[in-house]
Amino acid sequence: MRVIVHGGAGGAPDDPATRQAVVDEAASTGASESTVTEAVCAAVRVLESSATFNAGVGSTVQSDGVIRTDAGLMTDDREVGAVCSMPGVEHAVDAARVVKAETPHVLVSGVHAVDLADEFGVETDVDLWTDARREAWEELEAVPPLNEKREQLDWLREQFGGHDTVGAVARDGDRVAAATSTGGRWLALAGRVGDVPQIGSGFYCTRAGGASATGAGEDIARVTLARRAVDHLEHGRDAQAAADLAIEEFEDLTGSDAGVIVMRNDGDAGLAYNTEAMQTAVAGESGEDGEN
């Protein structure tokens, strides 16, 4: 099993050593699993449980003061599961796995996704707030009321920002999987859904390999960044070239910030970003036979 993990693209972290230790742990945890699906889910769960990343515990807050999580999971056979806008779900990646494994759908949203996850043993009603998020929320000036929608939107445009999506890609034998999880962007309009649960945007996987993206979600969705990276693999490029070219194209098209990790079906891994930092880790070796 070979796994590459990222902890989000953005500014330089305040405590990079601590964060890198968690990213390293996530990669090694994933590499110890027996299937590529287990590998990416296990890796992402480590990051979702760490308050230092914007996924699971410590996720950002939407305009109504609610934390909602999103995730997507895809394997090389194009089987997909995704969830979005879930209050109280720490391990959004496990909820995405439920959609993939247990339903005929590819994306389930909101409280319905929460209920589905709960039915299949994913913990719900989790307190995702950290002291830092609570302090930041309480320091805000009052959010304009929902009945003053235009005024609220003007206010939110001034506050909206940040990105720290987490993700993983795994390869074992001839199997590949990719997963991405997030708490969204700071003070997004309540109900906003970014790139993460959108197939081809925050995550994508084919027989050629897989990718997980992070960054300015709206722009990532506009150019389907993860699929763009995998397309380059399908055209015969190595993983580093695919990542570099995808980010170069993304920046040319949008002028925005993003990062991407890529793993080819032979275990070749690459990463690229145009932000100040993106912490990543690679662990494990390529296997001979793989299972989904």
C-alpha atoms as a PDB file:
ATOM      1  CA  MET A   1       0.000   0.000   0.000  1.00  0.00           C
ATOM      2  CA  ARG A   2       1.246   3.456  -0.892  1.00  0.00           C
ATOM      3  CA  VAL A   3      -0.510   6.601   0.366  1.00  0.00           C
ATOM      4  CA  ILE A   4      -0.043  10.332  -0.167  1.00  0.00           C
ATOM      5  CA  VAL A   5      -1.825  12.754   2.196  1.00  0.00           C
ATOM      6  CA  HIS A   6      -2.293  16.532   2.372  1.00  0.00           C
ATOM      7  CA  GLY A   7      -3.438  18.826   5.155  1.00  0.00           C
ATOM      8  CA  GLY A   8      -4.631  21.694   2.983  1.00  0.00           C
ATOM      9  CA  ALA A   9      -3.070  24.518   0.989  1.00  0.00           C
ATOM     10  CA  GLY A  10      -2.867  28.019   2.406  1.00  0.00           C
ATOM     11  CA  GLY A  11      -0.707  30.261   4.534  1.00  0.00           C
ATOM     12  CA  ALA A  12       2.206  29.056   6.611  1.00  0.00           C
ATOM     13  CA  PRO A  13       0.854  27.316   9.749  1.00  0.00           C
ATOM     14  CA  ASP A  14       1.605  28.683  13.210  1.00  0.00           C
ATOM     15  CA  ASP A  15       2.941  25.329  14.401  1.00  0.00           C
ATOM     16  CA  PRO A  16       4.154  23.470  11.317  1.00  0.00           C
ATOM     17  CA  ALA A  17       5.960  20.711  13.224  1.00  0.00           C
ATOM     18  CA  THR A  18       2.847  19.681  15.126  1.00  0.00           C
ATOM     19  CA  ARG A  19       0.723  19.721  12.007  1.00  0.00           C
ATOM     20  CA  GLN A  20       3.328  17.803  10.012  1.00  0.00           C
ATOM     21  CA  ALA A  21       3.403  15.114  12.692  1.00  0.00           C
ATOM     22  CA  VAL A  22      -0.345  14.606  12.236  1.00  0.00           C
ATOM     23  CA  VAL A  23      -0.002  14.493   8.447  1.00  0.00           C
ATOM     24  CA  ASP A  24       2.778  11.918   8.805  1.00  0.00           C
ATOM     25  CA  GLU A  25       0.615   9.871  11.163  1.00  0.00           C
ATOM     26  CA  ALA A  26      -2.272  10.006   8.697  1.00  0.00           C
ATOM     27  CA  ALA A  27      -0.091   8.697   5.869  1.00  0.00           C
ATOM     28  CA  SER A  28       1.387   5.860   7.929  1.00  0.00           C
ATOM     29  CA  THR A  29      -2.045   4.927   9.282  1.00  0.00           C
ATOM     30  CA  GLY A  30      -3.437   4.686   5.775  1.00  0.00           C
ATOM     31  CA  ALA A  31      -0.455   2.696   4.523  1.00  0.00           C
ATOM     32  CA  SER A  32      -1.087   0.024   7.165  1.00  0.00           C
ATOM     33  CA  GLU A  33      -4.564  -0.787   5.830  1.00  0.00           C
ATOM     34  CA  SER A  34      -5.368  -3.711   3.544  1.00  0.00           C
ATOM     35  CA  THR A  35      -7.516  -2.024   0.884  1.00  0.00           C
ATOM     36  CA  VAL A  36      -7.276   1.329  -0.878  1.00  0.00           C
ATOM     37  CA  THR A  37     -10.689   2.406   0.407  1.00  0.00           C
ATOM     38  CA  GLU A  38      -9.705   1.606   3.988  1.00  0.00           C
ATOM     39  CA  ALA A  39      -6.397   3.372   3.406  1.00  0.00           C
ATOM     40  CA  VAL A  40      -7.810   6.739   2.314  1.00  0.00           C
ATOM     41  CA  CYS A  41     -10.598   6.650   4.897  1.00  0.00           C
ATOM     42  CA  ALA A  42      -8.207   5.797   7.733  1.00  0.00           C
ATOM     43  CA  ALA A  43      -5.775   8.516   6.678  1.00  0.00           C
ATOM     44  CA  VAL A  44      -8.476  11.167   6.391  1.00  0.00           C
ATOM     45  CA  ARG A  45     -10.015  10.187   9.741  1.00  0.00           C
ATOM     46  CA  VAL A  46      -6.734  11.050  11.474  1.00  0.00           C
ATOM     47  CA  LEU A  47      -6.878  14.544   9.984  1.00  0.00           C
ATOM     48  CA  GLU A  48     -10.595  14.957  10.721  1.00  0.00           C
ATOM     49  CA  SER A  49      -9.923  14.212  14.391  1.00  0.00           C
ATOM     50  CA  SER A  50      -7.166  16.805  14.667  1.00  0.00           C
ATOM     51  CA  ALA A  51      -8.265  20.312  15.617  1.00  0.00           C
ATOM     52  CA  THR A  52      -5.380  21.762  13.626  1.00  0.00           C
ATOM     53  CA  PHE A  53      -7.097  21.138  10.275  1.00  0.00           C
ATOM     54  CA  ASN A  54     -10.290  22.417   8.693  1.00  0.00           C
ATOM     55  CA  ALA A  55     -12.089  19.083   8.571  1.00  0.00           C
ATOM     56  CA  GLY A  56     -14.111  17.306  11.219  1.00  0.00           C
ATOM     57  CA  VAL A  57     -13.219  18.747  14.624  1.00  0.00           C
ATOM     58  CA  GLY A  58     -12.093  22.353  14.171  1.00  0.00           C
ATOM     59  CA  SER A  59     -13.989  22.934  10.941  1.00  0.00           C
ATOM     60  CA  THR A  60     -14.937  26.466   9.995  1.00  0.00           C
ATOM     61  CA  VAL A  61     -18.279  28.075  10.784  1.00  0.00           C
ATOM     62  CA  GLN A  62     -20.989  29.072   8.337  1.00  0.00           C
ATOM     63  CA  SER A  63     -22.934  32.327   8.476  1.00  0.00           C
ATOM     64  CA  ASP A  64     -25.646  30.969  10.764  1.00  0.00           C
ATOM     65  CA  GLY A  65     -23.151  29.786  13.377  1.00  0.00           C
ATOM     66  CA  VAL A  66     -23.353  26.111  12.390  1.00  0.00           C
ATOM     67  CA  ILE A  67     -20.391  23.907  11.444  1.00  0.00           C
ATOM     68  CA  ARG A  68     -21.134  21.629   8.489  1.00  0.00           C
ATOM     69  CA  THR A  69     -18.836  19.039   6.946  1.00  0.00           C
ATOM     70  CA  ASP A  70     -18.430  17.648   3.411  1.00  0.00           C
ATOM     71  CA  ALA A  71     -16.478  14.757   1.900  1.00  0.00           C
ATOM     72  CA  GLY A  72     -16.049  12.689  -1.252  1.00  0.00           C
ATOM     73  CA  LEU A  73     -14.603   9.251  -1.980  1.00  0.00           C
ATOM     74  CA  MET A  74     -13.918   7.595  -5.339  1.00  0.00           C
ATOM     75  CA  THR A  75     -12.233   4.390  -6.466  1.00  0.00           C
ATOM     76  CA  ASP A  76     -10.651   3.547  -9.824  1.00  0.00           C
ATOM     77  CA  ASP A  77     -13.776   1.670 -10.964  1.00  0.00           C
ATOM     78  CA  ARG A  78     -15.576   5.064 -10.827  1.00  0.00           C
ATOM     79  CA  GLU A  79     -17.649   4.072  -7.813  1.00  0.00           C
ATOM     80  CA  VAL A  80     -18.347   7.245  -5.852  1.00  0.00           C
ATOM     81  CA  GLY A  81     -19.839   8.443  -2.600  1.00  0.00           C
ATOM     82  CA  ALA A  82     -20.129  12.037  -1.419  1.00  0.00           C
ATOM     83  CA  VAL A  83     -21.884  13.988   1.328  1.00  0.00           C
ATOM     84  CA  CYS A  84     -22.316  17.668   2.074  1.00  0.00           C
ATOM     85  CA  SER A  85     -23.736  20.180   4.541  1.00  0.00           C
ATOM     86  CA  MET A  86     -23.722  17.781   7.494  1.00  0.00           C
ATOM     87  CA  PRO A  87     -23.951  19.277  10.990  1.00  0.00           C
ATOM     88  CA  GLY A  88     -22.338  17.245  13.750  1.00  0.00           C
ATOM     89  CA  VAL A  89     -20.435  14.664  11.671  1.00  0.00           C
ATOM     90  CA  GLU A  90     -16.731  14.459  12.492  1.00  0.00           C
ATOM     91  CA  HIS A  91     -15.817  11.690  10.074  1.00  0.00           C
ATOM     92  CA  ALA A  92     -17.461  12.945   6.913  1.00  0.00           C
ATOM     93  CA  VAL A  93     -15.303  10.560   4.873  1.00  0.00           C
ATOM     94  CA  ASP A  94     -17.042   7.603   6.530  1.00  0.00           C
ATOM     95  CA  ALA A  95     -20.419   9.088   5.653  1.00  0.00           C
ATOM     96  CA  ALA A  96     -19.252   9.397   2.036  1.00  0.00           C
ATOM     97  CA  ARG A  97     -18.236   5.757   2.151  1.00  0.00           C
ATOM     98  CA  VAL A  98     -21.753   4.825   3.288  1.00  0.00           C
ATOM     99  CA  VAL A  99     -23.217   6.593   0.254  1.00  0.00           C
ATOM    100  CA  LYS A 100     -20.784   4.756  -2.020  1.00  0.00           C
ATOM    101  CA  ALA A 101     -21.267   1.321  -0.487  1.00  0.00           C
ATOM    102  CA  GLU A 102     -24.899   1.304   0.603  1.00  0.00           C
ATOM    103  CA  THR A 103     -26.905   3.472  -1.800  1.00  0.00           C
ATOM    104  CA  PRO A 104     -27.473   3.777  -5.558  1.00  0.00           C
ATOM    105  CA  HIS A 105     -26.564   7.477  -5.340  1.00  0.00           C
ATOM    106  CA  VAL A 106     -23.369   9.496  -5.549  1.00  0.00           C
ATOM    107  CA  LEU A 107     -24.242  12.491  -3.318  1.00  0.00           C
ATOM    108  CA  VAL A 108     -26.514  12.911  -0.306  1.00  0.00           C
ATOM    109  CA  SER A 109     -26.898  16.225   1.524  1.00  0.00           C
ATOM    110  CA  GLY A 110     -27.777  17.841   4.813  1.00  0.00           C
ATOM    111  CA  VAL A 111     -29.681  16.175   7.629  1.00  0.00           C
ATOM    112  CA  HIS A 112     -30.594  13.316   5.296  1.00  0.00           C
ATOM    113  CA  ALA A 113     -26.910  12.499   4.925  1.00  0.00           C
ATOM    114  CA  VAL A 114     -26.544  12.688   8.703  1.00  0.00           C
ATOM    115  CA  ASP A 115     -29.460  10.293   9.216  1.00  0.00           C
ATOM    116  CA  LEU A 116     -28.030   7.889   6.643  1.00  0.00           C
ATOM    117  CA  ALA A 117     -24.599   7.958   8.264  1.00  0.00           C
ATOM    118  CA  ASP A 118     -26.136   7.331  11.683  1.00  0.00           C
ATOM    119  CA  GLU A 119     -28.073   4.333  10.359  1.00  0.00           C
ATOM    120  CA  PHE A 120     -24.791   2.710   9.299  1.00  0.00           C
ATOM    121  CA  GLY A 121     -22.864   3.369  12.482  1.00  0.00           C
ATOM    122  CA  VAL A 122     -21.100   6.659  11.740  1.00  0.00           C
ATOM    123  CA  GLU A 123     -21.058   8.813  14.857  1.00  0.00           C
ATOM    124  CA  THR A 124     -23.280  11.885  14.603  1.00  0.00           C
ATOM    125  CA  ASP A 125     -24.211  14.788  16.875  1.00  0.00           C
ATOM    126  CA  VAL A 126     -20.518  15.436  17.551  1.00  0.00           C
ATOM    127  CA  ASP A 127     -19.365  18.769  18.978  1.00  0.00           C
ATOM    128  CA  LEU A 128     -17.024  20.035  16.240  1.00  0.00           C
ATOM    129  CA  TRP A 129     -16.213  23.359  17.899  1.00  0.00           C
ATOM    130  CA  THR A 130     -12.763  24.153  19.223  1.00  0.00           C
ATOM    131  CA  ASP A 131     -11.850  26.998  21.550  1.00  0.00           C
ATOM    132  CA  ALA A 132     -10.183  28.838  18.662  1.00  0.00           C
ATOM    133  CA  ARG A 133     -13.255  28.598  16.427  1.00  0.00           C
ATOM    134  CA  ARG A 134     -15.538  29.651  19.276  1.00  0.00           C
ATOM    135  CA  GLU A 135     -13.365  32.649  20.065  1.00  0.00           C
ATOM    136  CA  ALA A 136     -13.226  33.740  16.433  1.00  0.00           C
ATOM    137  CA  TRP A 137     -17.003  33.436  16.092  1.00  0.00           C
ATOM    138  CA  GLU A 138     -17.701  35.363  19.286  1.00  0.00           C
ATOM    139  CA  GLU A 139     -15.356  38.162  18.230  1.00  0.00           C
ATOM    140  CA  LEU A 140     -17.358  38.835  15.076  1.00  0.00           C
ATOM    141  CA  GLU A 141     -19.681  41.745  14.786  1.00  0.00           C
ATOM    142  CA  ALA A 142     -23.303  40.693  14.601  1.00  0.00           C
ATOM    143  CA  VAL A 143     -24.205  38.912  11.385  1.00  0.00           C
ATOM    144  CA  PRO A 144     -27.000  40.787   9.573  1.00  0.00           C
ATOM    145  CA  PRO A 145     -30.314  38.947   9.966  1.00  0.00           C
ATOM    146  CA  LEU A 146     -31.406  36.415   7.379  1.00  0.00           C
ATOM    147  CA  ASN A 147     -34.377  38.570   6.354  1.00  0.00           C
ATOM    148  CA  GLU A 148     -31.876  41.213   5.208  1.00  0.00           C
ATOM    149  CA  LYS A 149     -30.359  38.876   2.658  1.00  0.00           C
ATOM    150  CA  ARG A 150     -28.674  41.462   0.443  1.00  0.00           C
ATOM    151  CA  GLU A 151     -27.095  43.175   3.440  1.00  0.00           C
ATOM    152  CA  GLN A 152     -25.967  39.825   4.811  1.00  0.00           C
ATOM    153  CA  LEU A 153     -24.384  38.818   1.517  1.00  0.00           C
ATOM    154  CA  ASP A 154     -22.456  42.094   1.320  1.00  0.00           C
ATOM    155  CA  TRP A 155     -21.161  41.483   4.851  1.00  0.00           C
ATOM    156  CA  LEU A 156     -20.226  37.896   4.128  1.00  0.00           C
ATOM    157  CA  ARG A 157     -18.196  38.860   1.059  1.00  0.00           C
ATOM    158  CA  GLU A 158     -15.932  40.847   3.348  1.00  0.00           C
ATOM    159  CA  GLN A 159     -15.516  37.948   5.811  1.00  0.00           C
ATOM    160  CA  PHE A 160     -15.466  34.908   3.520  1.00  0.00           C
ATOM    161  CA  GLY A 161     -12.149  33.179   3.064  1.00  0.00           C
ATOM    162  CA  GLY A 162      -9.690  30.528   4.099  1.00  0.00           C
ATOM    163  CA  HIS A 163      -9.240  26.951   2.998  1.00  0.00           C
ATOM    164  CA  ASP A 164      -7.622  23.915   4.582  1.00  0.00           C
ATOM    165  CA  THR A 165      -9.274  20.890   3.017  1.00  0.00           C
ATOM    166  CA  VAL A 166      -7.612  17.523   3.773  1.00  0.00           C
ATOM    167  CA  GLY A 167      -7.286  14.492   1.536  1.00  0.00           C
ATOM    168  CA  ALA A 168      -5.542  11.277   0.606  1.00  0.00           C
ATOM    169  CA  VAL A 169      -4.852   9.075  -2.404  1.00  0.00           C
ATOM    170  CA  ALA A 170      -3.880   5.398  -2.097  1.00  0.00           C
ATOM    171  CA  ARG A 171      -2.618   2.752  -4.509  1.00  0.00           C
ATOM    172  CA  ASP A 172      -2.206  -0.976  -3.961  1.00  0.00           C
ATOM    173  CA  GLY A 173      -1.600  -3.311  -6.881  1.00  0.00           C
ATOM    174  CA  ASP A 174      -4.024  -2.278  -9.593  1.00  0.00           C
ATOM    175  CA  ARG A 175      -6.415  -0.466  -7.233  1.00  0.00           C
ATOM    176  CA  VAL A 176      -6.539   3.277  -6.556  1.00  0.00           C
ATOM    177  CA  ALA A 177      -8.763   5.424  -4.314  1.00  0.00           C
ATOM    178  CA  ALA A 178      -8.999   9.142  -3.558  1.00  0.00           C
ATOM    179  CA  ALA A 179     -10.806  10.952  -0.734  1.00  0.00           C
ATOM    180  CA  THR A 180     -11.197  14.559   0.383  1.00  0.00           C
ATOM    181  CA  SER A 181     -12.862  16.078   3.467  1.00  0.00           C
ATOM    182  CA  THR A 182     -13.508  19.633   4.646  1.00  0.00           C
ATOM    183  CA  GLY A 183     -15.349  21.993   6.919  1.00  0.00           C
ATOM    184  CA  GLY A 184     -15.697  24.478   4.071  1.00  0.00           C
ATOM    185  CA  ARG A 185     -14.618  28.108   4.041  1.00  0.00           C
ATOM    186  CA  TRP A 186     -14.860  30.563   6.905  1.00  0.00           C
ATOM    187  CA  LEU A 187     -18.234  32.304   7.119  1.00  0.00           C
ATOM    188  CA  ALA A 188     -19.615  30.884   3.913  1.00  0.00           C
ATOM    189  CA  LEU A 189     -23.313  31.475   3.415  1.00  0.00           C
ATOM    190  CA  ALA A 190     -25.244  28.838   5.347  1.00  0.00           C
ATOM    191  CA  GLY A 191     -25.796  25.900   3.015  1.00  0.00           C
ATOM    192  CA  ARG A 192     -22.842  26.721   0.760  1.00  0.00           C
ATOM    193  CA  VAL A 193     -21.263  23.661  -0.850  1.00  0.00           C
ATOM    194  CA  GLY A 194     -17.762  23.951  -2.256  1.00  0.00           C
ATOM    195  CA  ASP A 195     -15.610  21.741  -4.428  1.00  0.00           C
ATOM    196  CA  VAL A 196     -14.953  18.884  -2.008  1.00  0.00           C
ATOM    197  CA  PRO A 197     -18.056  16.726  -2.559  1.00  0.00           C
ATOM    198  CA  GLN A 198     -18.247  17.524  -6.272  1.00  0.00           C
ATOM    199  CA  ILE A 199     -16.900  14.703  -8.427  1.00  0.00           C
ATOM    200  CA  GLY A 200     -13.886  15.825 -10.445  1.00  0.00           C
ATOM    201  CA  SER A 201     -13.418  18.996  -8.416  1.00  0.00           C
ATOM    202  CA  GLY A 202     -12.224  18.105  -4.919  1.00  0.00           C
ATOM    203  CA  PHE A 203     -11.516  14.459  -5.722  1.00  0.00           C
ATOM    204  CA  TYR A 204     -11.289  12.134  -8.711  1.00  0.00           C
ATOM    205  CA  CYS A 205     -10.052   8.660  -9.523  1.00  0.00           C
ATOM    206  CA  THR A 206      -9.768   6.415 -12.593  1.00  0.00           C
ATOM    207  CA  ARG A 207      -7.647   3.434 -13.636  1.00  0.00           C
ATOM    208  CA  ALA A 208      -4.864   5.926 -14.402  1.00  0.00           C
ATOM    209  CA  GLY A 209      -4.676   7.212 -10.828  1.00  0.00           C
ATOM    210  CA  GLY A 210      -6.275   9.574  -8.351  1.00  0.00           C
ATOM    211  CA  ALA A 211      -6.126  13.153  -7.078  1.00  0.00           C
ATOM    212  CA  SER A 212      -7.290  15.222  -4.107  1.00  0.00           C
ATOM    213  CA  ALA A 213      -7.494  19.007  -4.369  1.00  0.00           C
ATOM    214  CA  THR A 214      -7.508  21.836  -1.842  1.00  0.00           C
ATOM    215  CA  GLY A 215      -7.860  25.590  -2.065  1.00  0.00           C
ATOM    216  CA  ALA A 216     -10.371  28.155  -3.308  1.00  0.00           C
ATOM    217  CA  GLY A 217     -13.356  25.861  -3.660  1.00  0.00           C
ATOM    218  CA  GLU A 218     -15.507  27.846  -6.042  1.00  0.00           C
ATOM    219  CA  ASP A 219     -12.670  28.176  -8.527  1.00  0.00           C
ATOM    220  CA  ILE A 220     -11.630  24.538  -8.090  1.00  0.00           C
ATOM    221  CA  ALA A 221     -15.181  23.555  -9.003  1.00  0.00           C
ATOM    222  CA  ARG A 222     -15.198  25.889 -12.004  1.00  0.00           C
ATOM    223  CA  VAL A 223     -12.193  24.155 -13.555  1.00  0.00           C
ATOM    224  CA  THR A 224     -12.682  20.637 -12.043  1.00  0.00           C
ATOM    225  CA  LEU A 225      -9.130  20.617 -10.736  1.00  0.00           C
ATOM    226  CA  ALA A 226      -8.900  17.004  -9.537  1.00  0.00           C
ATOM    227  CA  ARG A 227     -10.164  15.626 -12.822  1.00  0.00           C
ATOM    228  CA  ARG A 228      -7.780  17.909 -14.710  1.00  0.00           C
ATOM    229  CA  ALA A 229      -4.847  16.363 -12.806  1.00  0.00           C
ATOM    230  CA  VAL A 230      -6.041  12.798 -13.465  1.00  0.00           C
ATOM    231  CA  ASP A 231      -6.596  13.611 -17.140  1.00  0.00           C
ATOM    232  CA  HIS A 232      -2.900  14.422 -17.356  1.00  0.00           C
ATOM    233  CA  LEU A 233      -2.126  10.976 -15.929  1.00  0.00           C
ATOM    234  CA  GLU A 234      -4.342   9.423 -18.585  1.00  0.00           C
ATOM    235  CA  HIS A 235      -2.324  11.291 -21.209  1.00  0.00           C
ATOM    236  CA  GLY A 236       0.809   9.514 -19.977  1.00  0.00           C
ATOM    237  CA  ARG A 237       2.377  12.125 -17.725  1.00  0.00           C
ATOM    238  CA  ASP A 238       4.047  11.173 -14.449  1.00  0.00           C
ATOM    239  CA  ALA A 239       2.435  12.235 -11.184  1.00  0.00           C
ATOM    240  CA  GLN A 240       4.606  15.292 -10.574  1.00  0.00           C
ATOM    241  CA  ALA A 241       4.125  16.591 -14.092  1.00  0.00           C
ATOM    242  CA  ALA A 242       0.363  16.048 -13.805  1.00  0.00           C
ATOM    243  CA  ALA A 243       0.218  17.977 -10.530  1.00  0.00           C
ATOM    244  CA  ASP A 244       2.416  20.810 -11.799  1.00  0.00           C
ATOM    245  CA  LEU A 245       0.475  21.235 -15.009  1.00  0.00           C
ATOM    246  CA  ALA A 246      -2.916  21.103 -13.274  1.00  0.00           C
ATOM    247  CA  ILE A 247      -1.947  23.890 -10.865  1.00  0.00           C
ATOM    248  CA  GLU A 248      -0.361  25.943 -13.632  1.00  0.00           C
ATOM    249  CA  GLU A 249      -3.566  25.703 -15.676  1.00  0.00           C
ATOM    250  CA  PHE A 250      -5.691  26.442 -12.617  1.00  0.00           C
ATOM    251  CA  GLU A 251      -3.764  29.606 -11.806  1.00  0.00           C
ATOM    252  CA  ASP A 252      -3.843  30.767 -15.420  1.00  0.00           C
ATOM    253  CA  LEU A 253      -7.601  30.267 -15.599  1.00  0.00           C
ATOM    254  CA  THR A 254      -8.615  31.627 -12.199  1.00  0.00           C
ATOM    255  CA  GLY A 255      -5.744  33.506 -10.569  1.00  0.00           C
ATOM    256  CA  SER A 256      -6.702  31.745  -7.337  1.00  0.00           C
ATOM    257  CA  ASP A 257      -4.920  29.560  -4.794  1.00  0.00           C
ATOM    258  CA  ALA A 258      -4.959  25.766  -4.800  1.00  0.00           C
ATOM    259  CA  GLY A 259      -2.974  22.620  -4.261  1.00  0.00           C
ATOM    260  CA  VAL A 260      -3.290  19.046  -5.455  1.00  0.00           C
ATOM    261  CA  ILE A 261      -1.827  15.647  -4.624  1.00  0.00           C
ATOM    262  CA  VAL A 262      -1.666  12.978  -7.319  1.00  0.00           C
ATOM    263  CA  MET A 263      -0.858   9.274  -7.378  1.00  0.00           C
ATOM    264  CA  ARG A 264      -0.473   7.253 -10.544  1.00  0.00           C
ATOM    265  CA  ASN A 265      -1.543   3.622 -10.808  1.00  0.00           C
ATOM    266  CA  ASP A 266       2.072   2.494 -10.420  1.00  0.00           C
ATOM    267  CA  GLY A 267       2.454   4.289  -7.075  1.00  0.00           C
ATOM    268  CA  ASP A 268       4.278   7.317  -8.487  1.00  0.00           C
ATOM    269  CA  ALA A 269       3.244  10.327  -6.364  1.00  0.00           C
ATOM    270  CA  GLY A 270       3.361  14.068  -6.977  1.00  0.00           C
ATOM    271  CA  LEU A 271       2.121  17.321  -5.497  1.00  0.00           C
ATOM    272  CA  ALA A 272       1.899  20.971  -6.455  1.00  0.00           C
ATOM    273  CA  TYR A 273       0.532  24.169  -4.939  1.00  0.00           C
ATOM    274  CA  ASN A 274       0.676  27.914  -5.521  1.00  0.00           C
ATOM    275  CA  THR A 275       0.073  28.931  -1.897  1.00  0.00           C
ATOM    276  CA  GLU A 276       2.596  29.691   0.817  1.00  0.00           C
ATOM    277  CA  ALA A 277       2.431  26.157   2.168  1.00  0.00           C
ATOM    278  CA  MET A 278       0.833  22.732   1.781  1.00  0.00           C
ATOM    279  CA  GLN A 279       1.907  20.019   4.178  1.00  0.00           C
ATOM    280  CA  THR A 280       2.000  16.518   2.718  1.00  0.00           C
ATOM    281  CA  ALA A 281       3.349  13.054   3.496  1.00  0.00           C
ATOM    282  CA  VAL A 282       3.886   9.820   1.591  1.00  0.00           C
ATOM    283  CA  ALA A 283       4.067   6.398   3.221  1.00  0.00           C
ATOM    284  CA  GLY A 284       4.186   2.754   2.240  1.00  0.00           C
ATOM    285  CA  GLU A 285       5.279   0.796  -0.748  1.00  0.00           C
ATOM    286  CA  SER A 286       3.458  -0.335  -3.864  1.00  0.00           C
ATOM    287  CA  GLY A 287       1.745  -3.700  -3.528  1.00  0.00           C
ATOM    288  CA  GLU A 288       1.358  -6.557  -5.970  1.00  0.00           C
ATOM    289  CA  ASP A 289      -2.353  -7.172  -5.577  1.00  0.00           C
ATOM    290  CA  GLY A 290      -4.927  -4.658  -4.515  1.00  0.00           C
ATOM    291  CA  GLU A 291      -8.493  -4.706  -3.263  1.00  0.00           C
ATOM    292  CA  ASN A 292     -11.119  -2.032  -3.231  1.00  0.00           C
END
